[in-house]
Amino acid sequence: VEVAAGASVKRLYSNGFVPMATQSGEQLGSIAVNELSLSARFSGDETVNRGHFVKRHLFGRYPVLTLDLSGGIGGLRENDWSYLRPELSLDYKFRLPPAGAMRMHFNCGAVLGQVPYPLLKLHEGNATYLFDSNAFSCMDYFEFASDRWVTLMMDHNFNGWFLGKVPLVRRLNLREVVTLRAAYGTLSERNCADAPLVLPYGMKQMEKPYVEVGAGVTNILRMFRVEGFWRLTNGPRFVLNLGADLSF
């Protein structure tokens, strides 16, 4: 078990792309965040690589459970808010011989209290062609916001189970990958219609679960990955992602 605590004081500023307008039309130049956090990580039989400044976890045979609790303290500075944000995450990598291995990341959480939209769960979008394993490839930045949410990301690497049987192609040591990414969240009235700040144009809550799937090839020249993603709900879309994928 690992436990960590922290505190942060920051100020978020508005700009032309991130406006901060109240329900009455007043424009705010910034909002303040005074946050305390506590995190607990539960894992078993896990190898940890400790450096001088960075500690890296190498997942073992068992799931890793992480509990995060953060809270904002209002009334200390101008334009700050009080809130509580509990989160639960589960990471698990398991092998399915002879068909490779699967990685799973599950997350759920809530924002308890009335807060401006930058403090909500802004689901991680990716509006580029670069591969990002922690974002939704077919989702735009600031497209969906939630104060209650659940997400699931699954990535299966077949480790050449199919391409390794094709003559000549198998010499390239390519690896087939498929991906499933799903999310669902809701937005309460106090953080939507009655929110302290008006949601920017294009930002909305999910009316139904968001689902995208992907298929591609990795281990290209030992380090690159190409994968196509299809958005199955909340409007069809297809994107192609390119990037480095170093897995050990």
C-alpha atoms as a PDB file:
ATOM      1  CA  VAL A   1       0.000   0.000   0.000  1.00  0.00           C
ATOM      2  CA  GLU A   2       1.275   3.465  -0.922  1.00  0.00           C
ATOM      3  CA  VAL A   3      -0.267   6.617   0.492  1.00  0.00           C
ATOM      4  CA  ALA A   4       0.464  10.150  -0.697  1.00  0.00           C
ATOM      5  CA  ALA A   5      -0.897  13.539   0.287  1.00  0.00           C
ATOM      6  CA  GLY A   6      -0.563  16.901  -1.391  1.00  0.00           C
ATOM      7  CA  ALA A   7      -1.755  20.474  -1.594  1.00  0.00           C
ATOM      8  CA  SER A   8      -1.923  22.884  -4.500  1.00  0.00           C
ATOM      9  CA  VAL A   9      -2.817  26.534  -4.996  1.00  0.00           C
ATOM     10  CA  LYS A  10      -3.385  27.671  -8.555  1.00  0.00           C
ATOM     11  CA  ARG A  11      -5.317  30.113 -10.690  1.00  0.00           C
ATOM     12  CA  LEU A  12      -6.867  29.289 -14.072  1.00  0.00           C
ATOM     13  CA  TYR A  13      -7.129  32.160 -16.562  1.00  0.00           C
ATOM     14  CA  SER A  14      -9.649  32.625 -19.346  1.00  0.00           C
ATOM     15  CA  ASN A  15      -8.820  33.352 -22.983  1.00  0.00           C
ATOM     16  CA  GLY A  16     -10.517  33.406 -26.358  1.00  0.00           C
ATOM     17  CA  PHE A  17     -10.698  29.614 -26.485  1.00  0.00           C
ATOM     18  CA  VAL A  18     -11.652  29.117 -22.822  1.00  0.00           C
ATOM     19  CA  PRO A  19     -14.143  31.874 -21.916  1.00  0.00           C
ATOM     20  CA  MET A  20     -15.410  32.284 -18.356  1.00  0.00           C
ATOM     21  CA  ALA A  21     -18.831  33.944 -18.396  1.00  0.00           C
ATOM     22  CA  THR A  22     -21.326  33.845 -15.521  1.00  0.00           C
ATOM     23  CA  GLN A  23     -25.031  33.232 -16.039  1.00  0.00           C
ATOM     24  CA  SER A  24     -25.603  37.018 -15.851  1.00  0.00           C
ATOM     25  CA  GLY A  25     -23.085  37.651 -18.648  1.00  0.00           C
ATOM     26  CA  GLU A  26     -20.217  38.905 -16.492  1.00  0.00           C
ATOM     27  CA  GLN A  27     -16.798  37.914 -17.785  1.00  0.00           C
ATOM     28  CA  LEU A  28     -14.343  36.503 -15.241  1.00  0.00           C
ATOM     29  CA  GLY A  29     -10.648  36.821 -15.889  1.00  0.00           C
ATOM     30  CA  SER A  30      -9.749  33.787 -13.787  1.00  0.00           C
ATOM     31  CA  ILE A  31     -10.842  31.322 -11.129  1.00  0.00           C
ATOM     32  CA  ALA A  32      -8.863  30.119  -8.111  1.00  0.00           C
ATOM     33  CA  VAL A  33      -8.306  26.547  -6.904  1.00  0.00           C
ATOM     34  CA  ASN A  34      -7.213  25.730  -3.340  1.00  0.00           C
ATOM     35  CA  GLU A  35      -6.964  21.960  -3.246  1.00  0.00           C
ATOM     36  CA  LEU A  36      -5.951  19.242  -0.800  1.00  0.00           C
ATOM     37  CA  SER A  37      -5.494  15.666  -2.025  1.00  0.00           C
ATOM     38  CA  LEU A  38      -5.002  12.190  -0.614  1.00  0.00           C
ATOM     39  CA  SER A  39      -4.187   9.102  -2.659  1.00  0.00           C
ATOM     40  CA  ALA A  40      -3.893   5.413  -1.735  1.00  0.00           C
ATOM     41  CA  ARG A  41      -2.559   2.740  -4.096  1.00  0.00           C
ATOM     42  CA  PHE A  42      -3.140  -0.958  -3.422  1.00  0.00           C
ATOM     43  CA  SER A  43      -1.088  -3.534  -5.324  1.00  0.00           C
ATOM     44  CA  GLY A  44       0.401  -6.963  -4.777  1.00  0.00           C
ATOM     45  CA  ASP A  45       3.593  -8.611  -6.004  1.00  0.00           C
ATOM     46  CA  GLU A  46       4.535  -5.531  -8.024  1.00  0.00           C
ATOM     47  CA  THR A  47       8.002  -4.465  -9.130  1.00  0.00           C
ATOM     48  CA  VAL A  48       8.859  -0.804  -8.519  1.00  0.00           C
ATOM     49  CA  ASN A  49      11.753   1.014 -10.196  1.00  0.00           C
ATOM     50  CA  ARG A  50      12.907   3.908  -8.013  1.00  0.00           C
ATOM     51  CA  GLY A  51      15.035   6.669  -9.529  1.00  0.00           C
ATOM     52  CA  HIS A  52      16.366   9.858  -7.992  1.00  0.00           C
ATOM     53  CA  PHE A  53      13.226  11.832  -8.855  1.00  0.00           C
ATOM     54  CA  VAL A  54      10.803   9.395 -10.550  1.00  0.00           C
ATOM     55  CA  LYS A  55       9.292   6.151  -9.328  1.00  0.00           C
ATOM     56  CA  ARG A  56       7.902   3.795 -11.972  1.00  0.00           C
ATOM     57  CA  HIS A  57       5.515   0.917 -11.318  1.00  0.00           C
ATOM     58  CA  LEU A  58       5.852  -2.250 -13.379  1.00  0.00           C
ATOM     59  CA  PHE A  59       2.511  -4.006 -13.099  1.00  0.00           C
ATOM     60  CA  GLY A  60       2.594  -7.477 -11.655  1.00  0.00           C
ATOM     61  CA  ARG A  61       0.148 -10.358 -11.781  1.00  0.00           C
ATOM     62  CA  TYR A  62      -2.592  -8.673  -9.765  1.00  0.00           C
ATOM     63  CA  PRO A  63      -4.906  -5.703 -10.350  1.00  0.00           C
ATOM     64  CA  VAL A  64      -3.832  -2.317  -9.027  1.00  0.00           C
ATOM     65  CA  LEU A  65      -6.484  -0.302  -7.179  1.00  0.00           C
ATOM     66  CA  THR A  66      -6.085   3.441  -6.662  1.00  0.00           C
ATOM     67  CA  LEU A  67      -8.289   5.647  -4.485  1.00  0.00           C
ATOM     68  CA  ASP A  68      -8.003   9.411  -4.922  1.00  0.00           C
ATOM     69  CA  LEU A  69      -9.745  12.003  -2.793  1.00  0.00           C
ATOM     70  CA  SER A  70      -9.338  15.702  -3.456  1.00  0.00           C
ATOM     71  CA  GLY A  71     -11.241  18.703  -2.213  1.00  0.00           C
ATOM     72  CA  GLY A  72     -11.341  22.417  -2.833  1.00  0.00           C
ATOM     73  CA  ILE A  73     -11.521  25.001  -0.046  1.00  0.00           C
ATOM     74  CA  GLY A  74     -13.627  28.043  -0.922  1.00  0.00           C
ATOM     75  CA  GLY A  75     -13.672  31.491   0.615  1.00  0.00           C
ATOM     76  CA  LEU A  76      -9.895  31.955   0.714  1.00  0.00           C
ATOM     77  CA  ARG A  77      -9.432  33.872  -2.526  1.00  0.00           C
ATOM     78  CA  GLU A  78     -11.517  35.608  -5.154  1.00  0.00           C
ATOM     79  CA  ASN A  79     -13.594  33.277  -7.363  1.00  0.00           C
ATOM     80  CA  ASP A  80     -12.852  30.009  -5.583  1.00  0.00           C
ATOM     81  CA  TRP A  81     -15.208  27.135  -4.760  1.00  0.00           C
ATOM     82  CA  SER A  82     -15.632  24.337  -2.255  1.00  0.00           C
ATOM     83  CA  TYR A  83     -16.026  20.794  -3.563  1.00  0.00           C
ATOM     84  CA  LEU A  84     -15.137  17.156  -2.957  1.00  0.00           C
ATOM     85  CA  ARG A  85     -13.894  14.844  -5.700  1.00  0.00           C
ATOM     86  CA  PRO A  86     -13.544  11.094  -4.958  1.00  0.00           C
ATOM     87  CA  GLU A  87     -12.180   8.786  -7.687  1.00  0.00           C
ATOM     88  CA  LEU A  88     -11.567   5.061  -8.000  1.00  0.00           C
ATOM     89  CA  SER A  89      -9.261   3.513 -10.616  1.00  0.00           C
ATOM     90  CA  LEU A  90      -8.461  -0.106 -11.460  1.00  0.00           C
ATOM     91  CA  ASP A  91      -5.540  -1.127 -13.705  1.00  0.00           C
ATOM     92  CA  TYR A  92      -4.983  -4.710 -14.747  1.00  0.00           C
ATOM     93  CA  LYS A  93      -2.787  -6.392 -17.340  1.00  0.00           C
ATOM     94  CA  PHE A  94      -3.426 -10.061 -17.908  1.00  0.00           C
ATOM     95  CA  ARG A  95      -2.152 -12.565 -20.430  1.00  0.00           C
ATOM     96  CA  LEU A  96      -4.360 -14.695 -22.646  1.00  0.00           C
ATOM     97  CA  PRO A  97      -1.956 -17.227 -24.168  1.00  0.00           C
ATOM     98  CA  PRO A  98      -1.515 -17.901 -26.994  1.00  0.00           C
ATOM     99  CA  ALA A  99      -3.475 -14.804 -28.069  1.00  0.00           C
ATOM    100  CA  GLY A 100      -1.340 -12.099 -26.439  1.00  0.00           C
ATOM    101  CA  ALA A 101      -2.207  -9.872 -23.499  1.00  0.00           C
ATOM    102  CA  MET A 102      -4.815  -7.300 -22.538  1.00  0.00           C
ATOM    103  CA  ARG A 103      -4.526  -4.076 -20.562  1.00  0.00           C
ATOM    104  CA  MET A 104      -7.546  -2.588 -18.822  1.00  0.00           C
ATOM    105  CA  HIS A 105      -8.056   0.780 -17.133  1.00  0.00           C
ATOM    106  CA  PHE A 106     -11.312   1.486 -15.283  1.00  0.00           C
ATOM    107  CA  ASN A 107     -12.133   4.804 -13.637  1.00  0.00           C
ATOM    108  CA  CYS A 108     -15.165   6.238 -11.905  1.00  0.00           C
ATOM    109  CA  GLY A 109     -15.712   9.321  -9.817  1.00  0.00           C
ATOM    110  CA  ALA A 110     -17.843  12.291  -8.899  1.00  0.00           C
ATOM    111  CA  VAL A 111     -17.599  15.998  -8.210  1.00  0.00           C
ATOM    112  CA  LEU A 112     -19.667  16.805  -5.138  1.00  0.00           C
ATOM    113  CA  GLY A 113     -20.617  20.457  -5.032  1.00  0.00           C
ATOM    114  CA  GLN A 114     -21.361  23.302  -7.419  1.00  0.00           C
ATOM    115  CA  VAL A 115     -18.261  24.206  -9.432  1.00  0.00           C
ATOM    116  CA  PRO A 116     -17.344  26.050 -12.661  1.00  0.00           C
ATOM    117  CA  TYR A 117     -16.835  23.845 -15.694  1.00  0.00           C
ATOM    118  CA  PRO A 118     -12.975  23.763 -15.571  1.00  0.00           C
ATOM    119  CA  LEU A 119     -13.297  21.799 -12.306  1.00  0.00           C
ATOM    120  CA  LEU A 120     -15.683  19.198 -13.738  1.00  0.00           C
ATOM    121  CA  LYS A 121     -14.571  15.935 -15.326  1.00  0.00           C
ATOM    122  CA  LEU A 122     -13.621  17.099 -18.825  1.00  0.00           C
ATOM    123  CA  HIS A 123     -13.362  13.823 -20.709  1.00  0.00           C
ATOM    124  CA  GLU A 124      -9.992  13.521 -22.416  1.00  0.00           C
ATOM    125  CA  GLY A 125     -10.312  14.133 -26.143  1.00  0.00           C
ATOM    126  CA  ASN A 126      -7.682  13.974 -28.868  1.00  0.00           C
ATOM    127  CA  ALA A 127      -8.042  16.346 -31.814  1.00  0.00           C
ATOM    128  CA  THR A 128      -4.700  15.364 -33.346  1.00  0.00           C
ATOM    129  CA  TYR A 129      -3.370  12.481 -35.425  1.00  0.00           C
ATOM    130  CA  LEU A 130      -0.938  11.455 -32.683  1.00  0.00           C
ATOM    131  CA  PHE A 131      -1.645   8.302 -30.701  1.00  0.00           C
ATOM    132  CA  ASP A 132      -2.577   8.898 -27.050  1.00  0.00           C
ATOM    133  CA  SER A 133      -3.411   5.834 -24.969  1.00  0.00           C
ATOM    134  CA  ASN A 134      -5.040   7.964 -22.255  1.00  0.00           C
ATOM    135  CA  ALA A 135      -7.475   9.900 -24.480  1.00  0.00           C
ATOM    136  CA  PHE A 136     -10.484   9.207 -26.687  1.00  0.00           C
ATOM    137  CA  SER A 137      -9.211   9.442 -30.254  1.00  0.00           C
ATOM    138  CA  CYS A 138     -12.557  10.389 -31.843  1.00  0.00           C
ATOM    139  CA  MET A 139     -13.571  12.898 -29.169  1.00  0.00           C
ATOM    140  CA  ASP A 140     -12.886  16.623 -29.465  1.00  0.00           C
ATOM    141  CA  TYR A 141     -11.269  18.650 -26.705  1.00  0.00           C
ATOM    142  CA  PHE A 142     -13.848  20.006 -24.218  1.00  0.00           C
ATOM    143  CA  GLU A 143     -16.651  18.085 -25.956  1.00  0.00           C
ATOM    144  CA  PHE A 144     -18.136  16.346 -22.897  1.00  0.00           C
ATOM    145  CA  ALA A 145     -18.263  17.325 -19.220  1.00  0.00           C
ATOM    146  CA  SER A 146     -19.595  15.321 -16.259  1.00  0.00           C
ATOM    147  CA  ASP A 147     -19.887  15.485 -12.493  1.00  0.00           C
ATOM    148  CA  ARG A 148     -20.640  11.744 -12.253  1.00  0.00           C
ATOM    149  CA  TRP A 149     -18.759   9.454 -14.597  1.00  0.00           C
ATOM    150  CA  VAL A 150     -17.381   6.037 -15.403  1.00  0.00           C
ATOM    151  CA  THR A 151     -14.805   5.168 -18.099  1.00  0.00           C
ATOM    152  CA  LEU A 152     -13.299   1.943 -19.425  1.00  0.00           C
ATOM    153  CA  MET A 153     -10.275   1.571 -21.701  1.00  0.00           C
ATOM    154  CA  MET A 154      -9.172  -1.841 -22.962  1.00  0.00           C
ATOM    155  CA  ASP A 155      -6.238  -2.573 -25.260  1.00  0.00           C
ATOM    156  CA  HIS A 156      -5.480  -6.068 -26.523  1.00  0.00           C
ATOM    157  CA  ASN A 157      -2.166  -6.928 -28.203  1.00  0.00           C
ATOM    158  CA  PHE A 158      -2.323 -10.232 -30.089  1.00  0.00           C
ATOM    159  CA  ASN A 159       1.494 -10.368 -30.153  1.00  0.00           C
ATOM    160  CA  GLY A 160       1.633 -11.515 -33.787  1.00  0.00           C
ATOM    161  CA  TRP A 161      -0.909 -14.304 -33.389  1.00  0.00           C
ATOM    162  CA  PHE A 162      -2.324 -13.596 -36.883  1.00  0.00           C
ATOM    163  CA  LEU A 163       0.452 -11.799 -38.803  1.00  0.00           C
ATOM    164  CA  GLY A 164       3.049 -14.211 -37.451  1.00  0.00           C
ATOM    165  CA  LYS A 165       1.475 -16.928 -39.583  1.00  0.00           C
ATOM    166  CA  VAL A 166       1.763 -14.997 -42.869  1.00  0.00           C
ATOM    167  CA  PRO A 167       4.911 -15.825 -44.888  1.00  0.00           C
ATOM    168  CA  LEU A 168       7.341 -12.931 -45.367  1.00  0.00           C
ATOM    169  CA  VAL A 169       5.148 -10.618 -43.262  1.00  0.00           C
ATOM    170  CA  ARG A 170       6.115 -12.493 -40.124  1.00  0.00           C
ATOM    171  CA  ARG A 171       9.718 -11.381 -40.607  1.00  0.00           C
ATOM    172  CA  LEU A 172       8.618  -7.824 -39.771  1.00  0.00           C
ATOM    173  CA  ASN A 173       7.552  -8.918 -36.254  1.00  0.00           C
ATOM    174  CA  LEU A 174       4.375  -6.831 -36.442  1.00  0.00           C
ATOM    175  CA  ARG A 175       1.818  -7.001 -33.632  1.00  0.00           C
ATOM    176  CA  GLU A 176      -1.939  -6.703 -34.098  1.00  0.00           C
ATOM    177  CA  VAL A 177      -3.839  -4.530 -31.614  1.00  0.00           C
ATOM    178  CA  VAL A 178      -7.513  -3.826 -30.979  1.00  0.00           C
ATOM    179  CA  THR A 179      -8.898  -1.182 -28.625  1.00  0.00           C
ATOM    180  CA  LEU A 180     -12.178  -0.457 -26.872  1.00  0.00           C
ATOM    181  CA  ARG A 181     -12.785   2.865 -25.128  1.00  0.00           C
ATOM    182  CA  ALA A 182     -16.084   3.741 -23.482  1.00  0.00           C
ATOM    183  CA  ALA A 183     -17.372   6.432 -21.159  1.00  0.00           C
ATOM    184  CA  TYR A 184     -20.610   7.591 -19.616  1.00  0.00           C
ATOM    185  CA  GLY A 185     -21.286  10.599 -17.451  1.00  0.00           C
ATOM    186  CA  THR A 186     -24.076  12.798 -16.211  1.00  0.00           C
ATOM    187  CA  LEU A 187     -24.227  16.477 -15.343  1.00  0.00           C
ATOM    188  CA  SER A 188     -26.472  17.678 -12.536  1.00  0.00           C
ATOM    189  CA  GLU A 189     -28.655  20.772 -12.868  1.00  0.00           C
ATOM    190  CA  ARG A 190     -26.469  22.794 -10.490  1.00  0.00           C
ATOM    191  CA  ASN A 191     -23.457  22.239 -12.753  1.00  0.00           C
ATOM    192  CA  CYS A 192     -25.322  22.680 -16.038  1.00  0.00           C
ATOM    193  CA  ALA A 193     -28.244  25.113 -16.254  1.00  0.00           C
ATOM    194  CA  ASP A 194     -27.451  26.668 -12.854  1.00  0.00           C
ATOM    195  CA  ALA A 195     -23.653  26.391 -13.152  1.00  0.00           C
ATOM    196  CA  PRO A 196     -21.466  29.279 -11.922  1.00  0.00           C
ATOM    197  CA  LEU A 197     -20.015  29.605 -15.440  1.00  0.00           C
ATOM    198  CA  VAL A 198     -21.813  29.068 -18.737  1.00  0.00           C
ATOM    199  CA  LEU A 199     -20.559  25.989 -20.572  1.00  0.00           C
ATOM    200  CA  PRO A 200     -18.477  26.975 -23.628  1.00  0.00           C
ATOM    201  CA  TYR A 201     -19.880  26.486 -27.099  1.00  0.00           C
ATOM    202  CA  GLY A 202     -19.683  22.799 -28.066  1.00  0.00           C
ATOM    203  CA  MET A 203     -19.356  21.456 -24.510  1.00  0.00           C
ATOM    204  CA  LYS A 204     -22.241  19.255 -23.375  1.00  0.00           C
ATOM    205  CA  GLN A 205     -23.149  16.295 -21.243  1.00  0.00           C
ATOM    206  CA  MET A 206     -23.398  12.776 -22.631  1.00  0.00           C
ATOM    207  CA  GLU A 207     -26.925  11.860 -23.633  1.00  0.00           C
ATOM    208  CA  LYS A 208     -25.872   8.223 -24.049  1.00  0.00           C
ATOM    209  CA  PRO A 209     -22.698   6.193 -23.483  1.00  0.00           C
ATOM    210  CA  TYR A 210     -19.743   7.116 -25.652  1.00  0.00           C
ATOM    211  CA  VAL A 211     -18.042   4.162 -27.384  1.00  0.00           C
ATOM    212  CA  GLU A 212     -15.160   3.962 -29.839  1.00  0.00           C
ATOM    213  CA  VAL A 213     -13.198   0.980 -31.125  1.00  0.00           C
ATOM    214  CA  GLY A 214      -9.846   0.722 -32.838  1.00  0.00           C
ATOM    215  CA  ALA A 215      -7.726  -1.732 -34.786  1.00  0.00           C
ATOM    216  CA  GLY A 216      -4.166  -1.413 -35.979  1.00  0.00           C
ATOM    217  CA  VAL A 217      -0.581  -2.610 -36.022  1.00  0.00           C
ATOM    218  CA  THR A 218       2.242  -1.899 -33.585  1.00  0.00           C
ATOM    219  CA  ASN A 219       5.932  -2.792 -33.321  1.00  0.00           C
ATOM    220  CA  ILE A 220       6.560  -1.157 -36.706  1.00  0.00           C
ATOM    221  CA  LEU A 221      10.338  -0.772 -36.869  1.00  0.00           C
ATOM    222  CA  ARG A 222      10.259  -1.873 -33.210  1.00  0.00           C
ATOM    223  CA  MET A 223       8.637   1.340 -31.927  1.00  0.00           C
ATOM    224  CA  PHE A 224       5.797   2.793 -34.034  1.00  0.00           C
ATOM    225  CA  ARG A 225       2.048   2.206 -33.998  1.00  0.00           C
ATOM    226  CA  VAL A 226      -0.690   2.879 -36.563  1.00  0.00           C
ATOM    227  CA  GLU A 227      -4.316   2.448 -35.541  1.00  0.00           C
ATOM    228  CA  GLY A 228      -7.680   3.432 -36.956  1.00  0.00           C
ATOM    229  CA  PHE A 229     -10.509   4.390 -34.583  1.00  0.00           C
ATOM    230  CA  TRP A 230     -14.248   4.360 -35.205  1.00  0.00           C
ATOM    231  CA  ARG A 231     -16.703   6.320 -33.081  1.00  0.00           C
ATOM    232  CA  LEU A 232     -19.818   4.176 -32.655  1.00  0.00           C
ATOM    233  CA  THR A 233     -22.061   6.518 -30.643  1.00  0.00           C
ATOM    234  CA  ASN A 234     -22.745  10.256 -30.340  1.00  0.00           C
ATOM    235  CA  GLY A 235     -22.138  10.719 -34.069  1.00  0.00           C
ATOM    236  CA  PRO A 236     -20.048   8.581 -36.466  1.00  0.00           C
ATOM    237  CA  ARG A 237     -16.392   9.473 -37.039  1.00  0.00           C
ATOM    238  CA  PHE A 238     -13.191   7.789 -38.163  1.00  0.00           C
ATOM    239  CA  VAL A 239      -9.626   8.900 -37.393  1.00  0.00           C
ATOM    240  CA  LEU A 240      -6.168   7.445 -37.967  1.00  0.00           C
ATOM    241  CA  ASN A 241      -3.587   7.769 -35.183  1.00  0.00           C
ATOM    242  CA  LEU A 242       0.174   7.488 -35.545  1.00  0.00           C
ATOM    243  CA  GLY A 243       2.710   7.408 -32.765  1.00  0.00           C
ATOM    244  CA  ALA A 244       5.392   5.652 -30.778  1.00  0.00           C
ATOM    245  CA  ASP A 245       4.420   2.642 -28.677  1.00  0.00           C
ATOM    246  CA  LEU A 246       7.190   1.335 -26.464  1.00  0.00           C
ATOM    247  CA  SER A 247       5.985  -1.657 -24.455  1.00  0.00           C
ATOM    248  CA  PHE A 248       8.068  -3.882 -22.228  1.00  0.00           C
END
